[in-house]
Amino acid sequence: MADPVDLDRLLPDARAFLSELADNNDRDWFRDNKARYDSQLKRPSEKLLARISAWLGETRGTPPRTKLFRPHRDVRFSEDKTPYHTHLHMMWSLPDGRVWMLGISPDYATLGAGLMQFEPAQLDRWREAVASDRGADLAALVAEAGWRVDPPSLQRVPAPYPADHPREDMLRCKGYVAWRDDLDEALAADPAASIREVITEFAPLMDWLGEIA
Protein backbone atom coordinates (compact mmCIF):
# COMPACT_ATOMS: atom_id res chain seq x y z
CA MET A 1 0.00 0.00 0.00
CA ALA A 2 1.39 3.42 -0.95
CA ASP A 3 2.37 5.81 1.82
CA PRO A 4 -0.15 8.70 1.73
CA VAL A 5 2.19 11.12 3.52
CA ASP A 6 3.65 13.58 1.00
CA LEU A 7 6.84 15.21 2.30
CA ASP A 8 6.98 17.58 -0.66
CA ARG A 9 3.86 19.32 0.66
CA LEU A 10 5.27 19.87 4.15
CA LEU A 11 6.63 23.40 3.66
CA PRO A 12 3.66 24.97 1.81
CA ASP A 13 1.08 23.14 3.93
CA ALA A 14 2.84 24.04 7.18
CA ARG A 15 3.12 27.70 6.20
CA ALA A 16 -0.52 27.90 5.16
CA PHE A 17 -1.66 26.29 8.41
CA LEU A 18 0.65 28.39 10.61
CA SER A 19 -0.37 31.62 8.87
CA GLU A 20 -4.02 30.85 9.54
CA LEU A 21 -3.18 29.86 13.11
CA ALA A 22 -1.46 33.22 13.64
CA ASP A 23 -4.75 34.93 12.71
CA ASN A 24 -6.88 32.52 14.79
CA ASN A 25 -4.70 31.60 17.77
CA ASP A 26 -7.32 30.10 20.05
CA ARG A 27 -8.29 26.65 21.20
CA ASP A 28 -11.59 26.52 19.30
CA TRP A 29 -9.91 27.13 15.94
CA PHE A 30 -7.16 24.62 16.65
CA ARG A 31 -9.66 21.99 17.78
CA ASP A 32 -11.65 22.47 14.58
CA ASN A 33 -8.44 22.13 12.52
CA LYS A 34 -6.73 19.40 14.56
CA ALA A 35 -7.25 16.75 11.86
CA ARG A 36 -5.61 19.06 9.35
CA TYR A 37 -2.67 19.66 11.69
CA ASP A 38 -2.23 15.91 12.14
CA SER A 39 -2.37 15.08 8.42
CA GLN A 40 -0.47 18.06 6.98
CA LEU A 41 2.10 18.88 9.71
CA LYS A 42 2.43 16.17 12.34
CA ARG A 43 2.51 13.02 10.22
CA PRO A 44 4.83 14.43 7.52
CA SER A 45 7.14 15.75 10.25
CA GLU A 46 7.25 12.36 11.94
CA LYS A 47 8.03 10.72 8.61
CA LEU A 48 10.78 13.26 7.92
CA LEU A 49 12.24 12.80 11.39
CA ALA A 50 12.34 9.03 10.96
CA ARG A 51 13.84 9.18 7.47
CA ILE A 52 16.66 11.54 8.49
CA SER A 53 17.30 9.59 11.70
CA ALA A 54 17.73 6.38 9.71
CA TRP A 55 20.11 8.11 7.30
CA LEU A 56 22.15 9.58 10.15
CA GLY A 57 22.35 6.15 11.71
CA GLU A 58 23.74 4.75 8.48
CA THR A 59 26.21 7.56 7.83
CA ARG A 60 27.34 8.47 11.34
CA GLY A 61 26.90 5.13 13.11
CA THR A 62 24.47 6.35 15.76
CA PRO A 63 20.79 6.93 14.97
CA PRO A 64 19.73 10.05 16.87
CA ARG A 65 16.65 10.44 18.97
CA THR A 66 13.91 12.46 17.33
CA LYS A 67 11.54 15.07 18.70
CA LEU A 68 8.64 16.96 17.21
CA PHE A 69 7.96 19.95 19.45
CA ARG A 70 4.37 20.31 20.63
CA PRO A 71 2.35 23.19 19.19
CA HIS A 72 1.10 24.16 22.65
CA ARG A 73 2.81 27.09 24.37
CA ASP A 74 3.64 27.17 28.08
CA VAL A 75 1.89 30.40 29.04
CA ARG A 76 2.23 30.12 32.82
CA PHE A 77 4.94 32.77 33.10
CA SER A 78 4.32 34.68 29.87
CA GLU A 79 2.39 37.88 29.26
CA ASP A 80 1.47 36.45 25.85
CA LYS A 81 -1.38 34.04 26.55
CA THR A 82 -1.93 32.83 22.99
CA PRO A 83 -2.08 29.04 23.36
CA TYR A 84 -0.16 27.85 20.27
CA HIS A 85 3.21 28.35 18.62
CA THR A 86 3.06 29.65 15.06
CA HIS A 87 6.12 27.65 14.03
CA LEU A 88 6.94 23.99 13.45
CA HIS A 89 10.14 22.78 15.11
CA MET A 90 11.76 19.35 15.13
CA MET A 91 15.07 17.98 16.37
CA TRP A 92 17.50 15.09 16.02
CA SER A 93 19.73 14.65 19.10
CA LEU A 94 22.82 12.57 19.90
CA PRO A 95 23.57 11.15 23.38
CA ASP A 96 26.37 13.69 23.96
CA GLY A 97 24.00 16.63 23.48
CA ARG A 98 24.76 17.59 19.89
CA VAL A 99 21.63 18.30 17.87
CA TRP A 100 20.29 19.21 14.46
CA MET A 101 17.14 21.34 14.45
CA LEU A 102 14.68 22.25 11.71
CA GLY A 103 12.39 25.25 12.01
CA ILE A 104 9.54 26.27 9.71
CA SER A 105 7.29 29.31 10.10
CA PRO A 106 5.48 31.65 7.73
CA ASP A 107 8.63 33.82 7.80
CA TYR A 108 11.59 31.42 7.90
CA ALA A 109 12.88 27.98 7.04
CA THR A 110 16.12 27.18 8.85
CA LEU A 111 18.30 24.27 9.90
CA GLY A 112 20.72 24.47 12.82
CA ALA A 113 23.43 22.26 14.28
CA GLY A 114 25.44 22.37 17.48
CA LEU A 115 25.24 22.08 21.25
CA MET A 116 22.46 24.17 22.76
CA GLN A 117 23.73 24.10 26.35
CA PHE A 118 27.18 22.95 27.45
CA GLU A 119 27.43 20.74 30.51
CA PRO A 120 29.98 22.10 33.05
CA ALA A 121 32.81 19.85 31.83
CA GLN A 122 31.91 20.58 28.20
CA LEU A 123 31.98 24.30 28.94
CA ASP A 124 35.51 24.03 30.34
CA ARG A 125 36.68 22.09 27.29
CA TRP A 126 34.90 24.54 24.97
CA ARG A 127 36.66 27.56 26.45
CA GLU A 128 40.03 25.87 26.42
CA ALA A 129 39.59 24.87 22.77
CA VAL A 130 38.19 28.24 21.70
CA ALA A 131 41.12 30.06 23.28
CA SER A 132 43.57 27.91 21.30
CA ASP A 133 44.33 27.57 17.60
CA ARG A 134 41.43 25.13 17.36
CA GLY A 135 39.11 28.02 18.13
CA ALA A 136 40.60 30.00 15.27
CA ASP A 137 39.91 27.05 12.98
CA LEU A 138 36.27 26.94 14.08
CA ALA A 139 35.84 30.70 13.66
CA ALA A 140 37.26 30.49 10.14
CA LEU A 141 34.99 27.56 9.28
CA VAL A 142 31.86 29.40 10.40
CA ALA A 143 32.85 32.63 8.70
CA GLU A 144 33.60 30.90 5.40
CA ALA A 145 30.31 29.02 5.47
CA GLY A 146 28.37 32.19 6.25
CA TRP A 147 26.31 30.56 8.98
CA ARG A 148 24.33 32.57 11.50
CA VAL A 149 25.33 31.80 15.09
CA ASP A 150 23.24 32.26 18.23
CA PRO A 151 24.48 35.29 20.21
CA PRO A 152 26.60 34.77 23.35
CA SER A 153 24.86 34.28 26.69
CA LEU A 154 27.39 36.18 28.81
CA GLN A 155 28.04 39.91 28.74
CA ARG A 156 31.63 39.58 29.93
CA VAL A 157 34.48 37.26 28.96
CA PRO A 158 34.91 34.72 31.78
CA ALA A 159 38.14 34.58 33.78
CA PRO A 160 40.95 33.82 33.25
CA TYR A 161 40.61 34.87 29.60
CA PRO A 162 41.35 38.47 28.62
CA ALA A 163 38.49 40.75 27.64
CA ASP A 164 40.23 41.56 24.35
CA HIS A 165 40.72 37.93 23.32
CA PRO A 166 40.29 37.65 19.51
CA ARG A 167 37.46 35.16 20.05
CA GLU A 168 35.88 36.86 23.04
CA ASP A 169 32.41 36.37 21.56
CA MET A 170 32.88 32.60 21.46
CA LEU A 171 34.27 32.57 25.00
CA ARG A 172 31.06 34.24 26.15
CA CYS A 173 28.93 31.39 24.77
CA LYS A 174 27.33 28.76 27.02
CA GLY A 175 26.17 26.79 23.99
CA TYR A 176 26.97 26.96 20.29
CA VAL A 177 24.49 26.54 17.45
CA ALA A 178 24.99 27.62 13.84
CA TRP A 179 22.13 28.10 11.41
CA ARG A 180 21.60 27.91 7.66
CA ASP A 181 18.64 30.17 6.89
CA ASP A 182 18.18 30.14 3.10
CA LEU A 183 16.24 26.90 2.85
CA ASP A 184 12.88 27.95 1.42
CA GLU A 185 13.40 26.76 -2.15
CA ALA A 186 15.33 23.62 -1.17
CA LEU A 187 12.74 22.47 1.38
CA ALA A 188 9.94 23.15 -1.05
CA ALA A 189 11.62 21.05 -3.75
CA ASP A 190 12.75 18.03 -1.67
CA PRO A 191 12.74 18.30 2.15
CA ALA A 192 14.66 15.09 2.90
CA ALA A 193 17.35 15.68 0.28
CA SER A 194 17.89 19.31 1.28
CA ILE A 195 18.18 18.41 4.97
CA ARG A 196 20.70 15.68 4.21
CA GLU A 197 22.72 18.18 2.16
CA VAL A 198 22.80 20.81 4.90
CA ILE A 199 23.56 18.26 7.62
CA THR A 200 26.52 17.15 5.50
CA GLU A 201 27.67 20.78 5.27
CA PHE A 202 27.49 21.00 9.06
CA ALA A 203 29.63 17.85 9.54
CA PRO A 204 32.93 19.71 10.23
CA LEU A 205 31.21 21.80 12.93
CA MET A 206 29.61 18.73 14.53
CA ASP A 207 32.90 16.83 14.41
CA TRP A 208 34.65 19.79 16.07
CA LEU A 209 32.02 19.92 18.80
CA GLY A 210 32.20 16.14 19.16
CA GLU A 211 35.75 16.51 20.45
CA ILE A 212 34.60 18.60 23.42
CA ALA A 213 31.19 16.92 23.95
Foldseek 3Di string as FASTA:
>chain_A
DDDPQDQLQQQVLLAVVLVVCVVVLDDVVCVVCVVVCCRRHVVSVVVLLVVVQVVCCVPVVHRFDKDWDDQADDCPPPPDPRGGDSKTKMWTADPQQWIWMWIHHNVWTKIKTWHQADDPQLLVVQLVCCLDVNVVVVVVLCVVVVWDKDWFPAPAQDPPDDRVRVVSRSSRHRIIMTMDIPCPVVSNVPVNVVVVVVVVSCVVVVVSSVVSD
